Amino acid sequence: TKMPAKLTKLKRIIRGKAMGDVKIPAASEAMIELAVLLFLNSLAEEARVKAFEEKSATIRAQHINAVTKKMLKRARG
């Protein structure tokens, strides 16, 4: 099956082709993918909560933008 363009771009970045000669072992690549997916899942959950607080049935870009800074701060530690 064919991957969506954005997923293909993410894979290319992880594999280092878009960033020069960065070599990443397969196990590390899998860990990076997992970390990205976990972060995106958390971001989606936080955006869902924000949308619910604003009585919206749809998660919009404004909900994601509202929680992004908080999520990135938390991810940095």
C-alpha atoms as a PDB file:
ATOM      1  CA  THR A   1       0.000   0.000   0.000  1.00  0.00           C
ATOM      2  CA  LYS A   2       1.066   3.569  -0.638  1.00  0.00           C
ATOM      3  CA  MET A   3       1.844   5.812   2.350  1.00  0.00           C
ATOM      4  CA  PRO A   4       0.319   9.286   2.617  1.00  0.00           C
ATOM      5  CA  ALA A   5       2.720  12.044   1.518  1.00  0.00           C
ATOM      6  CA  LYS A   6       3.154  13.504   5.007  1.00  0.00           C
ATOM      7  CA  LEU A   7       4.004  10.097   6.481  1.00  0.00           C
ATOM      8  CA  THR A   8       6.505   9.518   3.690  1.00  0.00           C
ATOM      9  CA  LYS A   9       8.119  12.883   4.464  1.00  0.00           C
ATOM     10  CA  LEU A  10       8.322  11.994   8.165  1.00  0.00           C
ATOM     11  CA  LYS A  11       9.956   8.666   7.308  1.00  0.00           C
ATOM     12  CA  ARG A  12      12.469  10.478   5.064  1.00  0.00           C
ATOM     13  CA  ILE A  13      13.341  12.904   7.852  1.00  0.00           C
ATOM     14  CA  ILE A  14      13.741  10.117  10.379  1.00  0.00           C
ATOM     15  CA  ARG A  15      15.958   8.157   8.013  1.00  0.00           C
ATOM     16  CA  GLY A  16      18.177  11.223   7.597  1.00  0.00           C
ATOM     17  CA  LYS A  17      17.720  11.693   3.865  1.00  0.00           C
ATOM     18  CA  ALA A  18      16.183  15.122   4.367  1.00  0.00           C
ATOM     19  CA  MET A  19      18.752  16.134   6.993  1.00  0.00           C
ATOM     20  CA  GLY A  20      22.015  15.225   5.278  1.00  0.00           C
ATOM     21  CA  ASP A  21      24.233  12.343   6.327  1.00  0.00           C
ATOM     22  CA  VAL A  22      22.677  11.564   9.705  1.00  0.00           C
ATOM     23  CA  LYS A  23      22.765   7.805  10.294  1.00  0.00           C
ATOM     24  CA  ILE A  24      20.068   6.361  12.536  1.00  0.00           C
ATOM     25  CA  PRO A  25      20.001   2.642  13.351  1.00  0.00           C
ATOM     26  CA  ALA A  26      16.732   0.796  12.674  1.00  0.00           C
ATOM     27  CA  ALA A  27      16.001   0.341  16.400  1.00  0.00           C
ATOM     28  CA  SER A  28      16.451   4.065  17.009  1.00  0.00           C
ATOM     29  CA  GLU A  29      14.254   4.862  14.024  1.00  0.00           C
ATOM     30  CA  ALA A  30      11.486   2.738  15.537  1.00  0.00           C
ATOM     31  CA  MET A  31      11.864   4.518  18.885  1.00  0.00           C
ATOM     32  CA  ILE A  32      11.667   7.926  17.174  1.00  0.00           C
ATOM     33  CA  GLU A  33       8.531   6.879  15.311  1.00  0.00           C
ATOM     34  CA  LEU A  34       6.974   5.666  18.549  1.00  0.00           C
ATOM     35  CA  ALA A  35       7.854   8.905  20.365  1.00  0.00           C
ATOM     36  CA  VAL A  36       6.343  10.968  17.545  1.00  0.00           C
ATOM     37  CA  LEU A  37       3.165   8.892  17.527  1.00  0.00           C
ATOM     38  CA  LEU A  38       2.833   9.114  21.319  1.00  0.00           C
ATOM     39  CA  PHE A  39       3.321  12.882  21.197  1.00  0.00           C
ATOM     40  CA  LEU A  40       0.741  13.278  18.418  1.00  0.00           C
ATOM     41  CA  ASN A  41      -1.701  11.103  20.345  1.00  0.00           C
ATOM     42  CA  SER A  42      -1.254  13.247  23.461  1.00  0.00           C
ATOM     43  CA  LEU A  43      -1.628  16.405  21.392  1.00  0.00           C
ATOM     44  CA  ALA A  44      -4.855  15.092  19.870  1.00  0.00           C
ATOM     45  CA  GLU A  45      -6.220  14.165  23.307  1.00  0.00           C
ATOM     46  CA  GLU A  46      -5.416  17.602  24.744  1.00  0.00           C
ATOM     47  CA  ALA A  47      -6.972  19.285  21.701  1.00  0.00           C
ATOM     48  CA  ARG A  48     -10.080  17.109  22.136  1.00  0.00           C
ATOM     49  CA  VAL A  49     -10.375  18.241  25.760  1.00  0.00           C
ATOM     50  CA  LYS A  50      -9.952  21.875  24.697  1.00  0.00           C
ATOM     51  CA  ALA A  51     -12.632  21.487  22.021  1.00  0.00           C
ATOM     52  CA  PHE A  52     -14.971  19.888  24.566  1.00  0.00           C
ATOM     53  CA  GLU A  53     -14.360  22.781  26.997  1.00  0.00           C
ATOM     54  CA  GLU A  54     -15.382  25.185  24.235  1.00  0.00           C
ATOM     55  CA  LYS A  55     -18.472  23.073  23.470  1.00  0.00           C
ATOM     56  CA  SER A  56     -17.216  22.210  19.999  1.00  0.00           C
ATOM     57  CA  ALA A  57     -17.936  18.840  18.405  1.00  0.00           C
ATOM     58  CA  THR A  58     -14.960  19.283  16.059  1.00  0.00           C
ATOM     59  CA  ILE A  59     -11.276  19.657  16.876  1.00  0.00           C
ATOM     60  CA  ARG A  60     -10.114  22.731  14.971  1.00  0.00           C
ATOM     61  CA  ALA A  61      -6.677  24.229  14.365  1.00  0.00           C
ATOM     62  CA  GLN A  62      -7.330  26.803  17.108  1.00  0.00           C
ATOM     63  CA  HIS A  63      -7.747  23.977  19.647  1.00  0.00           C
ATOM     64  CA  ILE A  64      -4.473  22.391  18.583  1.00  0.00           C
ATOM     65  CA  ASN A  65      -2.668  25.742  18.628  1.00  0.00           C
ATOM     66  CA  ALA A  66      -4.034  26.445  22.109  1.00  0.00           C
ATOM     67  CA  VAL A  67      -2.479  23.292  23.584  1.00  0.00           C
ATOM     68  CA  THR A  68       0.694  23.042  21.484  1.00  0.00           C
ATOM     69  CA  LYS A  69       2.884  25.328  23.627  1.00  0.00           C
ATOM     70  CA  LYS A  70       1.859  23.539  26.800  1.00  0.00           C
ATOM     71  CA  MET A  71       2.530  20.133  25.226  1.00  0.00           C
ATOM     72  CA  LEU A  72       5.946  21.146  23.867  1.00  0.00           C
ATOM     73  CA  LYS A  73       6.944  22.547  27.259  1.00  0.00           C
ATOM     74  CA  ARG A  74       5.896  19.324  28.933  1.00  0.00           C
ATOM     75  CA  ALA A  75       7.769  17.252  26.313  1.00  0.00           C
ATOM     76  CA  ARG A  76      10.994  19.192  26.912  1.00  0.00           C
ATOM     77  CA  GLY A  77      10.764  18.560  30.630  1.00  0.00           C
END
